[in-house]
């Protein structure tokens, strides 16, 4: 299958999902947050506010955007929420399929 026909086969729904994901990633603070979580793994929101020097409300705003894009997984223990990267979704975002969409000469297309 060549890259052009592969792109033509992408559904509008798939493209909209990528658009939603990229909008969530298009923020320096959210990228920093994802980087922290990729290094630390599951982390309590209480530690994130301290380490990012960000108010709870502002952090909640960014976490909600990342959660809505399915980039994070939340686990609640008692009154605390713990966040970690959704590995499956991150693999999809960084997939060979996406490379084929934007780099038709990519060797795995």
PDB file of N, CA and C in Angstrom:
ATOM      1  N   UNK A   1       0.852  -1.176   0.000  1.00  0.00           N
ATOM      2  CA  UNK A   1       0.000   0.000   0.000  1.00  0.00           C
ATOM      3  C   UNK A   1       0.896   1.237   0.000  1.00  0.00           C
ATOM      4  N   UNK A   2       0.651   2.136  -0.942  1.00  0.00           N
ATOM      5  CA  UNK A   2       1.470   3.351  -0.953  1.00  0.00           C
ATOM      6  C   UNK A   2       0.903   4.370   0.023  1.00  0.00           C
ATOM      7  N   UNK A   3       1.718   5.366   0.312  1.00  0.00           N
ATOM      8  CA  UNK A   3       1.358   6.345   1.348  1.00  0.00           C
ATOM      9  C   UNK A   3       0.109   7.131   0.990  1.00  0.00           C
ATOM     10  N   UNK A   4      -0.071   7.458  -0.305  1.00  0.00           N
ATOM     11  CA  UNK A   4      -1.228   8.258  -0.708  1.00  0.00           C
ATOM     12  C   UNK A   4      -2.517   7.490  -0.449  1.00  0.00           C
ATOM     13  N   UNK A   5      -2.568   6.221  -0.846  1.00  0.00           N
ATOM     14  CA  UNK A   5      -3.796   5.462  -0.609  1.00  0.00           C
ATOM     15  C   UNK A   5      -4.014   5.232   0.884  1.00  0.00           C
ATOM     16  N   UNK A   6      -2.918   5.111   1.634  1.00  0.00           N
ATOM     17  CA  UNK A   6      -3.030   4.941   3.087  1.00  0.00           C
ATOM     18  C   UNK A   6      -3.674   6.175   3.717  1.00  0.00           C
ATOM     19  N   UNK A   7      -3.242   7.356   3.289  1.00  0.00           N
ATOM     20  CA  UNK A   7      -3.818   8.595   3.819  1.00  0.00           C
ATOM     21  C   UNK A   7      -5.277   8.702   3.418  1.00  0.00           C
ATOM     22  N   UNK A   8      -5.602   8.338   2.172  1.00  0.00           N
ATOM     23  CA  UNK A   8      -6.981   8.406   1.715  1.00  0.00           C
ATOM     24  C   UNK A   8      -7.895   7.495   2.529  1.00  0.00           C
ATOM     25  N   UNK A   9      -7.343   6.397   3.049  1.00  0.00           N
ATOM     26  CA  UNK A   9      -8.141   5.463   3.820  1.00  0.00           C
ATOM     27  C   UNK A   9      -8.382   5.921   5.259  1.00  0.00           C
ATOM     28  N   UNK A  10      -7.638   6.925   5.705  1.00  0.00           N
ATOM     29  CA  UNK A  10      -7.842   7.416   7.068  1.00  0.00           C
ATOM     30  C   UNK A  10      -9.233   8.020   7.185  1.00  0.00           C
ATOM     31  N   UNK A  11      -9.918   7.642   8.207  1.00  0.00           N
ATOM     32  CA  UNK A  11     -11.260   8.175   8.398  1.00  0.00           C
ATOM     33  C   UNK A  11     -11.192   9.574   8.995  1.00  0.00           C
ATOM     34  N   UNK A  12     -12.235  10.314   8.779  1.00  0.00           N
ATOM     35  CA  UNK A  12     -12.348  11.642   9.375  1.00  0.00           C
ATOM     36  C   UNK A  12     -12.270  11.521  10.892  1.00  0.00           C
ATOM     37  N   UNK A  13     -12.881  10.480  11.438  1.00  0.00           N
ATOM     38  CA  UNK A  13     -12.854  10.260  12.882  1.00  0.00           C
ATOM     39  C   UNK A  13     -11.420  10.092  13.390  1.00  0.00           C
ATOM     40  N   UNK A  14     -10.604   9.350  12.656  1.00  0.00           N
ATOM     41  CA  UNK A  14      -9.202   9.152  13.041  1.00  0.00           C
ATOM     42  C   UNK A  14      -8.453  10.470  13.007  1.00  0.00           C
ATOM     43  N   UNK A  15      -8.672  11.247  11.965  1.00  0.00           N
ATOM     44  CA  UNK A  15      -7.995  12.542  11.857  1.00  0.00           C
ATOM     45  C   UNK A  15      -8.435  13.483  12.974  1.00  0.00           C
ATOM     46  N   UNK A  16      -9.714  13.457  13.315  1.00  0.00           N
ATOM     47  CA  UNK A  16     -10.204  14.310  14.405  1.00  0.00           C
ATOM     48  C   UNK A  16      -9.594  13.897  15.742  1.00  0.00           C
ATOM     49  N   UNK A  17      -9.397  12.600  15.939  1.00  0.00           N
ATOM     50  CA  UNK A  17      -8.775  12.128  17.178  1.00  0.00           C
ATOM     51  C   UNK A  17      -7.332  12.620  17.256  1.00  0.00           C
ATOM     52  N   UNK A  18      -6.603  12.543  16.147  1.00  0.00           N
ATOM     53  CA  UNK A  18      -5.238  13.073  16.130  1.00  0.00           C
ATOM     54  C   UNK A  18      -5.240  14.579  16.383  1.00  0.00           C
ATOM     55  N   UNK A  19      -6.198  15.285  15.794  1.00  0.00           N
ATOM     56  CA  UNK A  19      -6.285  16.729  16.005  1.00  0.00           C
ATOM     57  C   UNK A  19      -6.480  17.040  17.492  1.00  0.00           C
ATOM     58  N   UNK A  20      -7.378  16.332  18.131  1.00  0.00           N
ATOM     59  CA  UNK A  20      -7.653  16.530  19.561  1.00  0.00           C
ATOM     60  C   UNK A  20      -6.395  16.254  20.389  1.00  0.00           C
ATOM     61  N   UNK A  21      -5.698  15.189  20.042  1.00  0.00           N
ATOM     62  CA  UNK A  21      -4.472  14.824  20.764  1.00  0.00           C
ATOM     63  C   UNK A  21      -3.406  15.887  20.592  1.00  0.00           C
ATOM     64  N   UNK A  22      -3.204  16.335  19.362  1.00  0.00           N
ATOM     65  CA  UNK A  22      -2.160  17.336  19.121  1.00  0.00           C
ATOM     66  C   UNK A  22      -2.488  18.672  19.776  1.00  0.00           C
ATOM     67  N   UNK A  23      -3.760  19.014  19.867  1.00  0.00           N
ATOM     68  CA  UNK A  23      -4.130  20.237  20.588  1.00  0.00           C
ATOM     69  C   UNK A  23      -3.757  20.111  22.060  1.00  0.00           C
ATOM     70  N   UNK A  24      -3.967  18.930  22.618  1.00  0.00           N
ATOM     71  CA  UNK A  24      -3.602  18.712  24.025  1.00  0.00           C
ATOM     72  C   UNK A  24      -2.093  18.795  24.220  1.00  0.00           C
ATOM     73  N   UNK A  25      -1.338  18.376  23.220  1.00  0.00           N
ATOM     74  CA  UNK A  25       0.124  18.393  23.314  1.00  0.00           C
ATOM     75  C   UNK A  25       0.724  19.757  22.983  1.00  0.00           C
ATOM     76  N   UNK A  26      -0.076  20.655  22.445  1.00  0.00           N
ATOM     77  CA  UNK A  26       0.433  21.943  21.960  1.00  0.00           C
ATOM     78  C   UNK A  26       0.527  22.985  23.069  1.00  0.00           C
ATOM     79  N   UNK A  27       1.134  22.609  24.169  1.00  0.00           N
ATOM     80  CA  UNK A  27       1.301  23.531  25.284  1.00  0.00           C
ATOM     81  C   UNK A  27       2.565  23.139  26.047  1.00  0.00           C
ATOM     82  N   UNK A  28       3.419  24.118  26.278  1.00  0.00           N
ATOM     83  CA  UNK A  28       4.700  23.865  26.939  1.00  0.00           C
ATOM     84  C   UNK A  28       4.520  23.279  28.339  1.00  0.00           C
ATOM     85  N   UNK A  29       3.554  23.773  29.092  1.00  0.00           N
ATOM     86  CA  UNK A  29       3.339  23.269  30.456  1.00  0.00           C
ATOM     87  C   UNK A  29       2.863  21.820  30.444  1.00  0.00           C
ATOM     88  N   UNK A  30       1.981  21.496  29.505  1.00  0.00           N
ATOM     89  CA  UNK A  30       1.503  20.112  29.423  1.00  0.00           C
ATOM     90  C   UNK A  30       2.612  19.176  28.955  1.00  0.00           C
ATOM     91  N   UNK A  31       3.454  19.641  28.050  1.00  0.00           N
ATOM     92  CA  UNK A  31       4.592  18.824  27.624  1.00  0.00           C
ATOM     93  C   UNK A  31       5.553  18.588  28.786  1.00  0.00           C
ATOM     94  N   UNK A  32       5.783  19.619  29.583  1.00  0.00           N
ATOM     95  CA  UNK A  32       6.641  19.473  30.761  1.00  0.00           C
ATOM     96  C   UNK A  32       6.024  18.475  31.745  1.00  0.00           C
ATOM     97  N   UNK A  33       4.745  18.562  31.948  1.00  0.00           N
ATOM     98  CA  UNK A  33       4.031  17.642  32.827  1.00  0.00           C
ATOM     99  C   UNK A  33       4.167  16.201  32.326  1.00  0.00           C
ATOM    100  N   UNK A  34       3.975  15.989  31.031  1.00  0.00           N
ATOM    101  CA  UNK A  34       4.125  14.650  30.459  1.00  0.00           C
ATOM    102  C   UNK A  34       5.553  14.139  30.618  1.00  0.00           C
ATOM    103  N   UNK A  35       6.507  15.024  30.418  1.00  0.00           N
ATOM    104  CA  UNK A  35       7.913  14.634  30.578  1.00  0.00           C
ATOM    105  C   UNK A  35       8.179  14.191  32.016  1.00  0.00           C
ATOM    106  N   UNK A  36       7.683  14.951  32.971  1.00  0.00           N
ATOM    107  CA  UNK A  36       7.851  14.580  34.384  1.00  0.00           C
ATOM    108  C   UNK A  36       7.251  13.209  34.664  1.00  0.00           C
ATOM    109  N   UNK A  37       6.042  12.986  34.179  1.00  0.00           N
ATOM    110  CA  UNK A  37       5.377  11.712  34.426  1.00  0.00           C
ATOM    111  C   UNK A  37       6.082  10.560  33.714  1.00  0.00           C
ATOM    112  N   UNK A  38       6.666  10.838  32.559  1.00  0.00           N
ATOM    113  CA  UNK A  38       7.391   9.778  31.856  1.00  0.00           C
ATOM    114  C   UNK A  38       8.634   9.366  32.627  1.00  0.00           C
ATOM    115  N   UNK A  39       9.225  10.294  33.350  1.00  0.00           N
ATOM    116  CA  UNK A  39      10.419  10.008  34.157  1.00  0.00           C
ATOM    117  C   UNK A  39      10.071   9.372  35.500  1.00  0.00           C
ATOM    118  N   UNK A  40       8.986   9.821  36.112  1.00  0.00           N
ATOM    119  CA  UNK A  40       8.665   9.404  37.482  1.00  0.00           C
ATOM    120  C   UNK A  40       7.652   8.271  37.565  1.00  0.00           C
ATOM    121  N   UNK A  41       6.863   8.098  36.524  1.00  0.00           N
ATOM    122  CA  UNK A  41       5.781   7.124  36.615  1.00  0.00           C
ATOM    123  C   UNK A  41       4.614   7.712  37.387  1.00  0.00           C
ATOM    124  N   UNK A  42       3.812   6.854  37.960  1.00  0.00           N
ATOM    125  CA  UNK A  42       2.602   7.282  38.676  1.00  0.00           C
ATOM    126  C   UNK A  42       2.983   8.257  39.785  1.00  0.00           C
ATOM    127  N   UNK A  43       2.350   9.445  39.758  1.00  0.00           N
ATOM    128  CA  UNK A  43       2.705  10.508  40.701  1.00  0.00           C
ATOM    129  C   UNK A  43       1.445  11.140  41.273  1.00  0.00           C
ATOM    130  N   UNK A  44       1.488  11.427  42.556  1.00  0.00           N
ATOM    131  CA  UNK A  44       0.380  12.085  43.243  1.00  0.00           C
ATOM    132  C   UNK A  44       0.260  13.531  42.764  1.00  0.00           C
ATOM    133  N   UNK A  45      -0.974  13.966  42.585  1.00  0.00           N
ATOM    134  CA  UNK A  45      -1.209  15.340  42.166  1.00  0.00           C
ATOM    135  C   UNK A  45      -0.613  16.326  43.172  1.00  0.00           C
ATOM    136  N   UNK A  46      -0.561  15.941  44.436  1.00  0.00           N
ATOM    137  CA  UNK A  46       0.002  16.829  45.466  1.00  0.00           C
ATOM    138  C   UNK A  46       1.483  17.113  45.205  1.00  0.00           C
ATOM    139  N   UNK A  47       2.211  16.145  44.672  1.00  0.00           N
ATOM    140  CA  UNK A  47       3.620  16.362  44.345  1.00  0.00           C
ATOM    141  C   UNK A  47       3.783  17.170  43.056  1.00  0.00           C
ATOM    142  N   UNK A  48       2.840  17.006  42.150  1.00  0.00           N
ATOM    143  CA  UNK A  48       2.926  17.736  40.884  1.00  0.00           C
ATOM    144  C   UNK A  48       2.774  19.236  41.097  1.00  0.00           C
ATOM    145  N   UNK A  49       1.858  19.643  41.968  1.00  0.00           N
ATOM    146  CA  UNK A  49       1.671  21.081  42.201  1.00  0.00           C
ATOM    147  C   UNK A  49       2.946  21.699  42.755  1.00  0.00           C
ATOM    148  N   UNK A  50       3.608  20.997  43.656  1.00  0.00           N
ATOM    149  CA  UNK A  50       4.855  21.505  44.244  1.00  0.00           C
ATOM    150  C   UNK A  50       5.975  21.561  43.208  1.00  0.00           C
ATOM    151  N   UNK A  51       6.154  20.466  42.482  1.00  0.00           N
ATOM    152  CA  UNK A  51       7.271  20.375  41.552  1.00  0.00           C
ATOM    153  C   UNK A  51       7.116  21.284  40.342  1.00  0.00           C
ATOM    154  N   UNK A  52       5.889  21.520  39.925  1.00  0.00           N
ATOM    155  CA  UNK A  52       5.651  22.394  38.776  1.00  0.00           C
ATOM    156  C   UNK A  52       5.448  23.844  39.185  1.00  0.00           C
ATOM    157  N   UNK A  53       5.384  24.096  40.493  1.00  0.00           N
ATOM    158  CA  UNK A  53       5.128  25.436  41.010  1.00  0.00           C
ATOM    159  C   UNK A  53       3.897  26.031  40.327  1.00  0.00           C
ATOM    160  N   UNK A  54       2.803  25.270  40.411  1.00  0.00           N
ATOM    161  CA  UNK A  54       1.569  25.637  39.735  1.00  0.00           C
ATOM    162  C   UNK A  54       0.424  25.476  40.730  1.00  0.00           C
ATOM    163  N   UNK A  55      -0.531  26.364  40.662  1.00  0.00           N
ATOM    164  CA  UNK A  55      -1.686  26.250  41.558  1.00  0.00           C
ATOM    165  C   UNK A  55      -2.470  24.982  41.238  1.00  0.00           C
ATOM    166  N   UNK A  56      -3.196  24.509  42.227  1.00  0.00           N
ATOM    167  CA  UNK A  56      -4.009  23.306  42.054  1.00  0.00           C
ATOM    168  C   UNK A  56      -5.018  23.489  40.923  1.00  0.00           C
ATOM    169  N   UNK A  57      -5.640  24.661  40.847  1.00  0.00           N
ATOM    170  CA  UNK A  57      -6.656  24.888  39.815  1.00  0.00           C
ATOM    171  C   UNK A  57      -6.046  24.884  38.415  1.00  0.00           C
ATOM    172  N   UNK A  58      -4.886  25.497  38.268  1.00  0.00           N
ATOM    173  CA  UNK A  58      -4.224  25.536  36.960  1.00  0.00           C
ATOM    174  C   UNK A  58      -3.759  24.136  36.554  1.00  0.00           C
ATOM    175  N   UNK A  59      -3.211  23.402  37.507  1.00  0.00           N
ATOM    176  CA  UNK A  59      -2.775  22.037  37.224  1.00  0.00           C
ATOM    177  C   UNK A  59      -3.972  21.164  36.842  1.00  0.00           C
ATOM    178  N   UNK A  60      -5.073  21.310  37.552  1.00  0.00           N
ATOM    179  CA  UNK A  60      -6.286  20.545  37.238  1.00  0.00           C
ATOM    180  C   UNK A  60      -6.759  20.824  35.820  1.00  0.00           C
ATOM    181  N   UNK A  61      -6.667  22.074  35.399  1.00  0.00           N
ATOM    182  CA  UNK A  61      -7.034  22.461  34.035  1.00  0.00           C
ATOM    183  C   UNK A  61      -6.191  21.683  33.019  1.00  0.00           C
ATOM    184  N   UNK A  62      -4.881  21.664  33.216  1.00  0.00           N
ATOM    185  CA  UNK A  62      -3.984  20.974  32.283  1.00  0.00           C
ATOM    186  C   UNK A  62      -4.177  19.456  32.344  1.00  0.00           C
ATOM    187  N   UNK A  63      -4.365  18.921  33.539  1.00  0.00           N
ATOM    188  CA  UNK A  63      -4.595  17.484  33.672  1.00  0.00           C
ATOM    189  C   UNK A  63      -5.886  17.064  32.974  1.00  0.00           C
ATOM    190  N   UNK A  64      -6.926  17.884  33.070  1.00  0.00           N
ATOM    191  CA  UNK A  64      -8.196  17.566  32.414  1.00  0.00           C
ATOM    192  C   UNK A  64      -8.028  17.501  30.902  1.00  0.00           C
ATOM    193  N   UNK A  65      -7.290  18.428  30.342  1.00  0.00           N
ATOM    194  CA  UNK A  65      -7.060  18.425  28.893  1.00  0.00           C
ATOM    195  C   UNK A  65      -6.323  17.154  28.475  1.00  0.00           C
ATOM    196  N   UNK A  66      -5.302  16.788  29.229  1.00  0.00           N
ATOM    197  CA  UNK A  66      -4.544  15.571  28.914  1.00  0.00           C
ATOM    198  C   UNK A  66      -5.388  14.317  29.136  1.00  0.00           C
ATOM    199  N   UNK A  67      -6.232  14.330  30.146  1.00  0.00           N
ATOM    200  CA  UNK A  67      -7.133  13.196  30.389  1.00  0.00           C
ATOM    201  C   UNK A  67      -8.169  13.077  29.267  1.00  0.00           C
ATOM    202  N   UNK A  68      -8.736  14.206  28.849  1.00  0.00           N
ATOM    203  CA  UNK A  68      -9.725  14.194  27.770  1.00  0.00           C
ATOM    204  C   UNK A  68      -9.132  13.668  26.469  1.00  0.00           C
ATOM    205  N   UNK A  69      -7.836  13.877  26.279  1.00  0.00           N
ATOM    206  CA  UNK A  69      -7.149  13.373  25.088  1.00  0.00           C
ATOM    207  C   UNK A  69      -6.667  11.936  25.294  1.00  0.00           C
ATOM    208  N   UNK A  70      -6.993  11.358  26.426  1.00  0.00           N
ATOM    209  CA  UNK A  70      -6.639   9.980  26.761  1.00  0.00           C
ATOM    210  C   UNK A  70      -5.126   9.765  26.888  1.00  0.00           C
ATOM    211  N   UNK A  71      -4.397  10.828  27.185  1.00  0.00           N
ATOM    212  CA  UNK A  71      -2.943  10.727  27.310  1.00  0.00           C
ATOM    213  C   UNK A  71      -2.502  10.354  28.721  1.00  0.00           C
ATOM    214  N   UNK A  72      -3.410  10.482  29.686  1.00  0.00           N
ATOM    215  CA  UNK A  72      -3.094  10.143  31.074  1.00  0.00           C
ATOM    216  C   UNK A  72      -4.105   9.148  31.622  1.00  0.00           C
ATOM    217  N   UNK A  73      -3.670   8.437  32.643  1.00  0.00           N
ATOM    218  CA  UNK A  73      -4.536   7.544  33.406  1.00  0.00           C
ATOM    219  C   UNK A  73      -4.522   8.049  34.844  1.00  0.00           C
ATOM    220  N   UNK A  74      -5.700   8.095  35.458  1.00  0.00           N
ATOM    221  CA  UNK A  74      -5.804   8.567  36.844  1.00  0.00           C
ATOM    222  C   UNK A  74      -6.260   7.415  37.738  1.00  0.00           C
ATOM    223  N   UNK A  75      -5.640   7.346  38.888  1.00  0.00           N
ATOM    224  CA  UNK A  75      -6.045   6.377  39.910  1.00  0.00           C
ATOM    225  C   UNK A  75      -6.265   7.157  41.198  1.00  0.00           C
ATOM    226  N   UNK A  76      -7.394   6.927  41.837  1.00  0.00           N
ATOM    227  CA  UNK A  76      -7.702   7.626  43.081  1.00  0.00           C
ATOM    228  C   UNK A  76      -7.497   6.676  44.251  1.00  0.00           C
ATOM    229  N   UNK A  77      -6.746   7.170  45.233  1.00  0.00           N
ATOM    230  CA  UNK A  77      -6.524   6.422  46.478  1.00  0.00           C
ATOM    231  C   UNK A  77      -6.897   7.352  47.620  1.00  0.00           C
ATOM    232  N   UNK A  78      -8.010   7.045  48.253  1.00  0.00           N
ATOM    233  CA  UNK A  78      -8.488   7.927  49.313  1.00  0.00           C
ATOM    234  C   UNK A  78      -8.865   9.275  48.722  1.00  0.00           C
ATOM    235  N   UNK A  79      -8.257  10.331  49.242  1.00  0.00           N
ATOM    236  CA  UNK A  79      -8.562  11.677  48.746  1.00  0.00           C
ATOM    237  C   UNK A  79      -7.574  12.144  47.688  1.00  0.00           C
ATOM    238  N   UNK A  80      -6.559  11.338  47.379  1.00  0.00           N
ATOM    239  CA  UNK A  80      -5.526  11.758  46.436  1.00  0.00           C
ATOM    240  C   UNK A  80      -5.688  11.082  45.082  1.00  0.00           C
ATOM    241  N   UNK A  81      -5.347  11.828  44.043  1.00  0.00           N
ATOM    242  CA  UNK A  81      -5.336  11.285  42.686  1.00  0.00           C
ATOM    243  C   UNK A  81      -3.897  11.127  42.229  1.00  0.00           C
ATOM    244  N   UNK A  82      -3.645  10.013  41.577  1.00  0.00           N
ATOM    245  CA  UNK A  82      -2.325   9.712  41.030  1.00  0.00           C
ATOM    246  C   UNK A  82      -2.456   9.624  39.512  1.00  0.00           C
ATOM    247  N   UNK A  83      -1.509  10.225  38.823  1.00  0.00           N
ATOM    248  CA  UNK A  83      -1.543  10.264  37.368  1.00  0.00           C
ATOM    249  C   UNK A  83      -0.318   9.571  36.799  1.00  0.00           C
ATOM    250  N   UNK A  84      -0.538   8.929  35.648  1.00  0.00           N
ATOM    251  CA  UNK A  84       0.568   8.354  34.900  1.00  0.00           C
ATOM    252  C   UNK A  84       0.226   8.415  33.417  1.00  0.00           C
ATOM    253  N   UNK A  85       1.239   8.244  32.600  1.00  0.00           N
ATOM    254  CA  UNK A  85       1.043   8.293  31.155  1.00  0.00           C
ATOM    255  C   UNK A  85       0.279   7.055  30.701  1.00  0.00           C
ATOM    256  N   UNK A  86      -0.649   7.256  29.799  1.00  0.00           N
ATOM    257  CA  UNK A  86      -1.367   6.153  29.169  1.00  0.00           C
ATOM    258  C   UNK A  86      -0.460   5.612  28.068  1.00  0.00           C
ATOM    259  N   UNK A  87       0.258   4.560  28.370  1.00  0.00           N
ATOM    260  CA  UNK A  87       1.265   4.024  27.446  1.00  0.00           C
ATOM    261  C   UNK A  87       0.661   3.613  26.103  1.00  0.00           C
ATOM    262  N   UNK A  88      -0.515   2.997  26.136  1.00  0.00           N
ATOM    263  CA  UNK A  88      -1.156   2.571  24.895  1.00  0.00           C
ATOM    264  C   UNK A  88      -1.462   3.741  23.973  1.00  0.00           C
ATOM    265  N   UNK A  89      -1.976   4.808  24.545  1.00  0.00           N
ATOM    266  CA  UNK A  89      -2.296   5.994  23.745  1.00  0.00           C
ATOM    267  C   UNK A  89      -1.023   6.668  23.253  1.00  0.00           C
ATOM    268  N   UNK A  90      -0.004   6.716  24.095  1.00  0.00           N
ATOM    269  CA  UNK A  90       1.256   7.326  23.680  1.00  0.00           C
ATOM    270  C   UNK A  90       1.879   6.526  22.537  1.00  0.00           C
ATOM    271  N   UNK A  91       1.779   5.199  22.601  1.00  0.00           N
ATOM    272  CA  UNK A  91       2.272   4.360  21.500  1.00  0.00           C
ATOM    273  C   UNK A  91       1.517   4.666  20.214  1.00  0.00           C
ATOM    274  N   UNK A  92       0.201   4.894  20.326  1.00  0.00           N
ATOM    275  CA  UNK A  92      -0.600   5.211  19.132  1.00  0.00           C
ATOM    276  C   UNK A  92      -0.178   6.547  18.541  1.00  0.00           C
ATOM    277  N   UNK A  93       0.047   7.528  19.401  1.00  0.00           N
ATOM    278  CA  UNK A  93       0.435   8.860  18.933  1.00  0.00           C
ATOM    279  C   UNK A  93       1.805   8.818  18.257  1.00  0.00           C
ATOM    280  N   UNK A  94       2.688   8.000  18.782  1.00  0.00           N
ATOM    281  CA  UNK A  94       4.039   7.903  18.238  1.00  0.00           C
ATOM    282  C   UNK A  94       4.175   6.704  17.302  1.00  0.00           C
ATOM    283  N   UNK A  95       3.091   6.296  16.678  1.00  0.00           N
ATOM    284  CA  UNK A  95       3.044   5.069  15.890  1.00  0.00           C
ATOM    285  C   UNK A  95       3.619   5.221  14.488  1.00  0.00           C
ATOM    286  N   UNK A  96       3.918   4.070  13.905  1.00  0.00           N
ATOM    287  CA  UNK A  96       4.353   4.028  12.514  1.00  0.00           C
ATOM    288  C   UNK A  96       3.253   4.545  11.593  1.00  0.00           C
ATOM    289  N   UNK A  97       1.985   4.261  11.954  1.00  0.00           N
ATOM    290  CA  UNK A  97       0.862   4.727  11.139  1.00  0.00           C
ATOM    291  C   UNK A  97       0.904   6.243  10.977  1.00  0.00           C
ATOM    292  N   UNK A  98       1.137   6.949  12.067  1.00  0.00           N
ATOM    293  CA  UNK A  98       1.165   8.406  11.997  1.00  0.00           C
ATOM    294  C   UNK A  98       2.362   8.878  11.183  1.00  0.00           C
ATOM    295  N   UNK A  99       3.486   8.198  11.320  1.00  0.00           N
ATOM    296  CA  UNK A  99       4.653   8.557  10.505  1.00  0.00           C
ATOM    297  C   UNK A  99       4.328   8.390   9.024  1.00  0.00           C
ATOM    298  N   UNK A 100       3.570   7.355   8.681  1.00  0.00           N
ATOM    299  CA  UNK A 100       3.196   7.135   7.283  1.00  0.00           C
ATOM    300  C   UNK A 100       2.293   8.250   6.758  1.00  0.00           C
ATOM    301  N   UNK A 101       1.492   8.825   7.635  1.00  0.00           N
ATOM    302  CA  UNK A 101       0.605   9.913   7.224  1.00  0.00           C
ATOM    303  C   UNK A 101       1.414  11.149   6.858  1.00  0.00           C
ATOM    304  N   UNK A 102       2.412  11.477   7.666  1.00  0.00           N
ATOM    305  CA  UNK A 102       3.137  12.726   7.477  1.00  0.00           C
ATOM    306  C   UNK A 102       4.503  12.567   6.825  1.00  0.00           C
ATOM    307  N   UNK A 103       5.003  11.346   6.740  1.00  0.00           N
ATOM    308  CA  UNK A 103       6.288  11.081   6.090  1.00  0.00           C
ATOM    309  C   UNK A 103       6.094   9.911   5.131  1.00  0.00           C
ATOM    310  N   UNK A 104       5.526  10.168   3.945  1.00  0.00           N
ATOM    311  CA  UNK A 104       5.206   9.077   3.027  1.00  0.00           C
ATOM    312  C   UNK A 104       6.397   8.174   2.696  1.00  0.00           C
ATOM    313  N   UNK A 105       7.607   8.688   2.784  1.00  0.00           N
ATOM    314  CA  UNK A 105       8.778   7.880   2.491  1.00  0.00           C
ATOM    315  C   UNK A 105       9.276   7.072   3.672  1.00  0.00           C
ATOM    316  N   UNK A 106       8.582   7.134   4.797  1.00  0.00           N
ATOM    317  CA  UNK A 106       8.982   6.413   6.007  1.00  0.00           C
ATOM    318  C   UNK A 106       9.098   4.933   5.674  1.00  0.00           C
ATOM    319  N   UNK A 107      10.174   4.305   6.093  1.00  0.00           N
ATOM    320  CA  UNK A 107      10.479   2.944   5.645  1.00  0.00           C
ATOM    321  C   UNK A 107       9.503   1.873   6.114  1.00  0.00           C
ATOM    322  N   UNK A 108       8.570   2.170   6.982  1.00  0.00           N
ATOM    323  CA  UNK A 108       7.621   1.155   7.451  1.00  0.00           C
ATOM    324  C   UNK A 108       6.246   1.299   6.807  1.00  0.00           C
ATOM    325  N   UNK A 109       6.104   2.200   5.843  1.00  0.00           N
ATOM    326  CA  UNK A 109       4.805   2.400   5.188  1.00  0.00           C
ATOM    327  C   UNK A 109       4.560   1.327   4.141  1.00  0.00           C
TER     328      UNK A 109
END
